[in-house]
Amino acid sequence: MMELSERIARRLGFDGMRFLAADIRDLPDTGRPDLVLSLHACDTATDVVLETAVRLGAPVILSTPCCQRELSRTVSCPPLSFALRHGVLSDKICASLTDALRVLYLEAHGYATVAAELIDPDDTPKNVILRAVRGTNEKKKSAAAAKYREACAFLGVAPRL
């Protein structure tokens, strides 16, 4: 895939593109990426990508999360226990809550963030895209950080992010 990607980039005249096969956590802080894109990074792998994109100061982040299981294993929220006691409902609720916490995390780090449908929901059940663009003010960052902490306390979770 690396060779194919490099050939396509050269053919299209994208001389500034680099393709790496590496653990994203090992990327050095030597340069800011123009865009970080993650497609269906399972469970906390999405969090690793988001964390790294924030650390590197990416101006734009596009992420399609997948298979969120972390909260399903750790959520402890008595007001939601009536729904969380059902496995399939718990998984769906926790996936949405995970993405909502990710939005707050990104906002707390200065990104204007939107969670939207990626494609027609009939095509795939994994249909959320998080679109984050750097550039919010300090007041919004502080409010999002406080809301993130409040939401985690309510849910009784300490997620990876």
C-alpha atoms as a PDB file:
ATOM      1  CA  MET A   1       0.000   0.000   0.000  1.00  0.00           C
ATOM      2  CA  MET A   2       2.836   2.371   0.781  1.00  0.00           C
ATOM      3  CA  GLU A   3       4.416   1.941  -2.640  1.00  0.00           C
ATOM      4  CA  LEU A   4       1.064   2.215  -4.399  1.00  0.00           C
ATOM      5  CA  SER A   5       0.199   5.392  -2.482  1.00  0.00           C
ATOM      6  CA  GLU A   6       3.581   6.928  -3.280  1.00  0.00           C
ATOM      7  CA  ARG A   7       3.213   6.101  -6.983  1.00  0.00           C
ATOM      8  CA  ILE A   8      -0.265   7.614  -7.127  1.00  0.00           C
ATOM      9  CA  ALA A   9       0.878  10.756  -5.297  1.00  0.00           C
ATOM     10  CA  ARG A  10       3.834  11.198  -7.684  1.00  0.00           C
ATOM     11  CA  ARG A  11       1.627  10.623 -10.721  1.00  0.00           C
ATOM     12  CA  LEU A  12      -0.803  13.276  -9.484  1.00  0.00           C
ATOM     13  CA  GLY A  13       1.978  15.727  -8.680  1.00  0.00           C
ATOM     14  CA  PHE A  14       1.592  15.663  -4.906  1.00  0.00           C
ATOM     15  CA  ASP A  15       5.311  15.962  -4.187  1.00  0.00           C
ATOM     16  CA  GLY A  16       4.868  17.089  -0.569  1.00  0.00           C
ATOM     17  CA  MET A  17       3.027  13.986   0.605  1.00  0.00           C
ATOM     18  CA  ARG A  18       4.678  11.422   2.834  1.00  0.00           C
ATOM     19  CA  PHE A  19       3.372   7.968   3.623  1.00  0.00           C
ATOM     20  CA  LEU A  20       4.475   6.198   6.773  1.00  0.00           C
ATOM     21  CA  ALA A  21       3.761   2.783   8.207  1.00  0.00           C
ATOM     22  CA  ALA A  22       4.239   3.287  11.923  1.00  0.00           C
ATOM     23  CA  ASP A  23       2.511   3.464  15.248  1.00  0.00           C
ATOM     24  CA  ILE A  24       0.976   6.938  15.273  1.00  0.00           C
ATOM     25  CA  ARG A  25       2.041   7.381  18.902  1.00  0.00           C
ATOM     26  CA  ASP A  26       5.652   7.280  17.728  1.00  0.00           C
ATOM     27  CA  LEU A  27       5.305  10.199  15.288  1.00  0.00           C
ATOM     28  CA  PRO A  28       7.840  12.855  16.217  1.00  0.00           C
ATOM     29  CA  ASP A  29       6.799  16.435  16.939  1.00  0.00           C
ATOM     30  CA  THR A  30       8.969  17.613  14.036  1.00  0.00           C
ATOM     31  CA  GLY A  31       6.178  18.887  11.861  1.00  0.00           C
ATOM     32  CA  ARG A  32       2.529  19.746  11.913  1.00  0.00           C
ATOM     33  CA  PRO A  33       0.337  17.654   9.621  1.00  0.00           C
ATOM     34  CA  ASP A  34      -2.127  19.575   7.453  1.00  0.00           C
ATOM     35  CA  LEU A  35      -4.808  16.975   8.088  1.00  0.00           C
ATOM     36  CA  VAL A  36      -5.226  13.906  10.258  1.00  0.00           C
ATOM     37  CA  LEU A  37      -7.655  11.314   8.949  1.00  0.00           C
ATOM     38  CA  SER A  38      -8.668   8.126  10.696  1.00  0.00           C
ATOM     39  CA  LEU A  39     -11.078   5.665   9.161  1.00  0.00           C
ATOM     40  CA  HIS A  40     -12.726   3.083  11.401  1.00  0.00           C
ATOM     41  CA  ALA A  41      -9.990   2.966  14.023  1.00  0.00           C
ATOM     42  CA  CYS A  42     -11.398   0.430  16.466  1.00  0.00           C
ATOM     43  CA  ASP A  43     -12.154   1.157  20.115  1.00  0.00           C
ATOM     44  CA  THR A  44      -9.469   3.315  21.737  1.00  0.00           C
ATOM     45  CA  ALA A  45      -7.375   3.443  18.535  1.00  0.00           C
ATOM     46  CA  THR A  46      -9.564   6.420  17.571  1.00  0.00           C
ATOM     47  CA  ASP A  47      -8.554   8.076  20.840  1.00  0.00           C
ATOM     48  CA  VAL A  48      -4.878   7.483  20.082  1.00  0.00           C
ATOM     49  CA  VAL A  49      -5.331   9.202  16.706  1.00  0.00           C
ATOM     50  CA  LEU A  50      -7.220  12.141  18.201  1.00  0.00           C
ATOM     51  CA  GLU A  51      -4.696  12.529  21.008  1.00  0.00           C
ATOM     52  CA  THR A  52      -1.802  12.505  18.540  1.00  0.00           C
ATOM     53  CA  ALA A  53      -3.516  14.928  16.159  1.00  0.00           C
ATOM     54  CA  VAL A  54      -4.062  17.358  19.042  1.00  0.00           C
ATOM     55  CA  ARG A  55      -0.462  16.937  20.235  1.00  0.00           C
ATOM     56  CA  LEU A  56       0.879  17.655  16.750  1.00  0.00           C
ATOM     57  CA  GLY A  57      -1.437  20.655  16.320  1.00  0.00           C
ATOM     58  CA  ALA A  58      -3.241  19.393  13.231  1.00  0.00           C
ATOM     59  CA  PRO A  59      -5.479  22.188  11.926  1.00  0.00           C
ATOM     60  CA  VAL A  60      -8.085  19.691  10.665  1.00  0.00           C
ATOM     61  CA  ILE A  61      -9.066  16.277  12.008  1.00  0.00           C
ATOM     62  CA  LEU A  62     -11.505  13.904  10.314  1.00  0.00           C
ATOM     63  CA  SER A  63     -12.294  10.734  12.200  1.00  0.00           C
ATOM     64  CA  THR A  64     -14.780   7.921  11.687  1.00  0.00           C
ATOM     65  CA  PRO A  65     -14.803   6.021  14.992  1.00  0.00           C
ATOM     66  CA  CYS A  66     -15.517   2.313  15.115  1.00  0.00           C
ATOM     67  CA  CYS A  67     -16.282  -0.403  17.648  1.00  0.00           C
ATOM     68  CA  GLN A  68     -16.328   1.753  20.780  1.00  0.00           C
ATOM     69  CA  ARG A  69     -16.164  -0.704  23.665  1.00  0.00           C
ATOM     70  CA  GLU A  70     -14.315   1.189  26.397  1.00  0.00           C
ATOM     71  CA  LEU A  71     -17.360   2.840  27.988  1.00  0.00           C
ATOM     72  CA  SER A  72     -19.452  -0.336  27.656  1.00  0.00           C
ATOM     73  CA  ARG A  73     -16.970  -2.006  30.003  1.00  0.00           C
ATOM     74  CA  THR A  74     -16.693   0.830  32.521  1.00  0.00           C
ATOM     75  CA  VAL A  75     -19.835   2.989  32.583  1.00  0.00           C
ATOM     76  CA  SER A  76     -21.458   3.259  36.001  1.00  0.00           C
ATOM     77  CA  CYS A  77     -24.441   5.573  35.784  1.00  0.00           C
ATOM     78  CA  PRO A  78     -27.447   4.641  37.940  1.00  0.00           C
ATOM     79  CA  PRO A  79     -29.843   7.085  36.187  1.00  0.00           C
ATOM     80  CA  LEU A  80     -29.183   5.234  32.893  1.00  0.00           C
ATOM     81  CA  SER A  81     -29.161   1.710  34.340  1.00  0.00           C
ATOM     82  CA  PHE A  82     -32.635   0.975  32.949  1.00  0.00           C
ATOM     83  CA  ALA A  83     -31.150   1.128  29.422  1.00  0.00           C
ATOM     84  CA  LEU A  84     -27.560   0.106  30.095  1.00  0.00           C
ATOM     85  CA  ARG A  85     -28.659  -3.282  31.472  1.00  0.00           C
ATOM     86  CA  HIS A  86     -29.486  -4.418  27.925  1.00  0.00           C
ATOM     87  CA  GLY A  87     -26.338  -5.369  26.017  1.00  0.00           C
ATOM     88  CA  VAL A  88     -27.333  -4.158  22.563  1.00  0.00           C
ATOM     89  CA  LEU A  89     -28.788  -0.903  23.934  1.00  0.00           C
ATOM     90  CA  SER A  90     -25.783  -0.369  26.162  1.00  0.00           C
ATOM     91  CA  ASP A  91     -23.425  -0.763  23.209  1.00  0.00           C
ATOM     92  CA  LYS A  92     -25.344   1.787  21.136  1.00  0.00           C
ATOM     93  CA  ILE A  93     -25.693   4.270  23.982  1.00  0.00           C
ATOM     94  CA  CYS A  94     -22.040   3.910  24.946  1.00  0.00           C
ATOM     95  CA  ALA A  95     -20.888   4.372  21.350  1.00  0.00           C
ATOM     96  CA  SER A  96     -22.814   7.648  21.158  1.00  0.00           C
ATOM     97  CA  LEU A  97     -21.581   8.773  24.575  1.00  0.00           C
ATOM     98  CA  THR A  98     -18.005   7.943  23.586  1.00  0.00           C
ATOM     99  CA  ASP A  99     -18.262  10.101  20.479  1.00  0.00           C
ATOM    100  CA  ALA A 100     -19.892  12.907  22.488  1.00  0.00           C
ATOM    101  CA  LEU A 101     -16.971  12.791  24.945  1.00  0.00           C
ATOM    102  CA  ARG A 102     -14.546  12.870  22.015  1.00  0.00           C
ATOM    103  CA  VAL A 103     -16.270  15.999  20.706  1.00  0.00           C
ATOM    104  CA  LEU A 104     -15.877  17.643  24.121  1.00  0.00           C
ATOM    105  CA  TYR A 105     -12.218  16.546  24.292  1.00  0.00           C
ATOM    106  CA  LEU A 106     -11.497  18.140  20.927  1.00  0.00           C
ATOM    107  CA  GLU A 107     -13.392  21.312  21.860  1.00  0.00           C
ATOM    108  CA  ALA A 108     -11.447  21.501  25.130  1.00  0.00           C
ATOM    109  CA  HIS A 109      -8.284  21.479  23.025  1.00  0.00           C
ATOM    110  CA  GLY A 110      -9.357  24.337  20.781  1.00  0.00           C
ATOM    111  CA  TYR A 111     -11.232  22.628  17.959  1.00  0.00           C
ATOM    112  CA  ALA A 112     -14.641  23.565  16.612  1.00  0.00           C
ATOM    113  CA  THR A 113     -16.100  20.082  16.268  1.00  0.00           C
ATOM    114  CA  VAL A 114     -19.135  18.567  14.589  1.00  0.00           C
ATOM    115  CA  ALA A 115     -20.415  14.998  14.746  1.00  0.00           C
ATOM    116  CA  ALA A 116     -22.314  14.171  11.559  1.00  0.00           C
ATOM    117  CA  GLU A 117     -23.456  11.281   9.410  1.00  0.00           C
ATOM    118  CA  LEU A 118     -20.770  10.246   6.972  1.00  0.00           C
ATOM    119  CA  ILE A 119     -22.883   8.467   4.365  1.00  0.00           C
ATOM    120  CA  ASP A 120     -26.356   7.043   4.005  1.00  0.00           C
ATOM    121  CA  PRO A 121     -27.108   5.085   7.199  1.00  0.00           C
ATOM    122  CA  ASP A 122     -28.405   2.197   5.091  1.00  0.00           C
ATOM    123  CA  ASP A 123     -24.833   1.581   3.883  1.00  0.00           C
ATOM    124  CA  THR A 124     -23.196   1.014   7.271  1.00  0.00           C
ATOM    125  CA  PRO A 125     -24.093   1.178  10.953  1.00  0.00           C
ATOM    126  CA  LYS A 126     -20.685   2.811  11.601  1.00  0.00           C
ATOM    127  CA  ASN A 127     -21.737   6.100  10.146  1.00  0.00           C
ATOM    128  CA  VAL A 128     -20.392   8.924  12.316  1.00  0.00           C
ATOM    129  CA  ILE A 129     -17.694  11.345  11.280  1.00  0.00           C
ATOM    130  CA  LEU A 130     -16.095  13.748  13.715  1.00  0.00           C
ATOM    131  CA  ARG A 131     -14.947  16.885  11.915  1.00  0.00           C
ATOM    132  CA  ALA A 132     -12.688  19.155  13.946  1.00  0.00           C
ATOM    133  CA  VAL A 133     -11.118  22.441  12.869  1.00  0.00           C
ATOM    134  CA  ARG A 134      -8.656  24.175  15.178  1.00  0.00           C
ATOM    135  CA  GLY A 135      -9.450  27.697  16.250  1.00  0.00           C
ATOM    136  CA  THR A 136     -11.848  28.169  19.172  1.00  0.00           C
ATOM    137  CA  ASN A 137     -11.300  30.718  21.904  1.00  0.00           C
ATOM    138  CA  GLU A 138     -10.129  30.133  25.487  1.00  0.00           C
ATOM    139  CA  LYS A 139     -13.605  30.628  26.964  1.00  0.00           C
ATOM    140  CA  LYS A 140     -15.039  27.870  24.758  1.00  0.00           C
ATOM    141  CA  LYS A 141     -12.086  25.604  25.565  1.00  0.00           C
ATOM    142  CA  SER A 142     -12.595  26.057  29.309  1.00  0.00           C
ATOM    143  CA  ALA A 143     -16.344  25.458  29.061  1.00  0.00           C
ATOM    144  CA  ALA A 144     -15.802  22.261  27.036  1.00  0.00           C
ATOM    145  CA  ALA A 145     -13.157  21.011  29.498  1.00  0.00           C
ATOM    146  CA  ALA A 146     -15.548  21.572  32.407  1.00  0.00           C
ATOM    147  CA  LYS A 147     -18.401  19.852  30.558  1.00  0.00           C
ATOM    148  CA  TYR A 148     -16.084  16.914  29.736  1.00  0.00           C
ATOM    149  CA  ARG A 149     -15.171  16.466  33.411  1.00  0.00           C
ATOM    150  CA  GLU A 150     -18.844  16.800  34.416  1.00  0.00           C
ATOM    151  CA  ALA A 151     -19.960  14.211  31.838  1.00  0.00           C
ATOM    152  CA  CYS A 152     -17.261  11.743  32.925  1.00  0.00           C
ATOM    153  CA  ALA A 153     -18.296  12.133  36.556  1.00  0.00           C
ATOM    154  CA  PHE A 154     -21.976  11.623  35.690  1.00  0.00           C
ATOM    155  CA  LEU A 155     -21.173   8.474  33.709  1.00  0.00           C
ATOM    156  CA  GLY A 156     -18.701   7.204  36.304  1.00  0.00           C
ATOM    157  CA  VAL A 157     -15.981   6.781  33.673  1.00  0.00           C
ATOM    158  CA  ALA A 158     -12.348   7.730  33.171  1.00  0.00           C
ATOM    159  CA  PRO A 159     -11.932   7.261  29.406  1.00  0.00           C
ATOM    160  CA  ARG A 160      -8.583   7.048  27.668  1.00  0.00           C
ATOM    161  CA  LEU A 161      -8.883  10.615  26.411  1.00  0.00           C
END
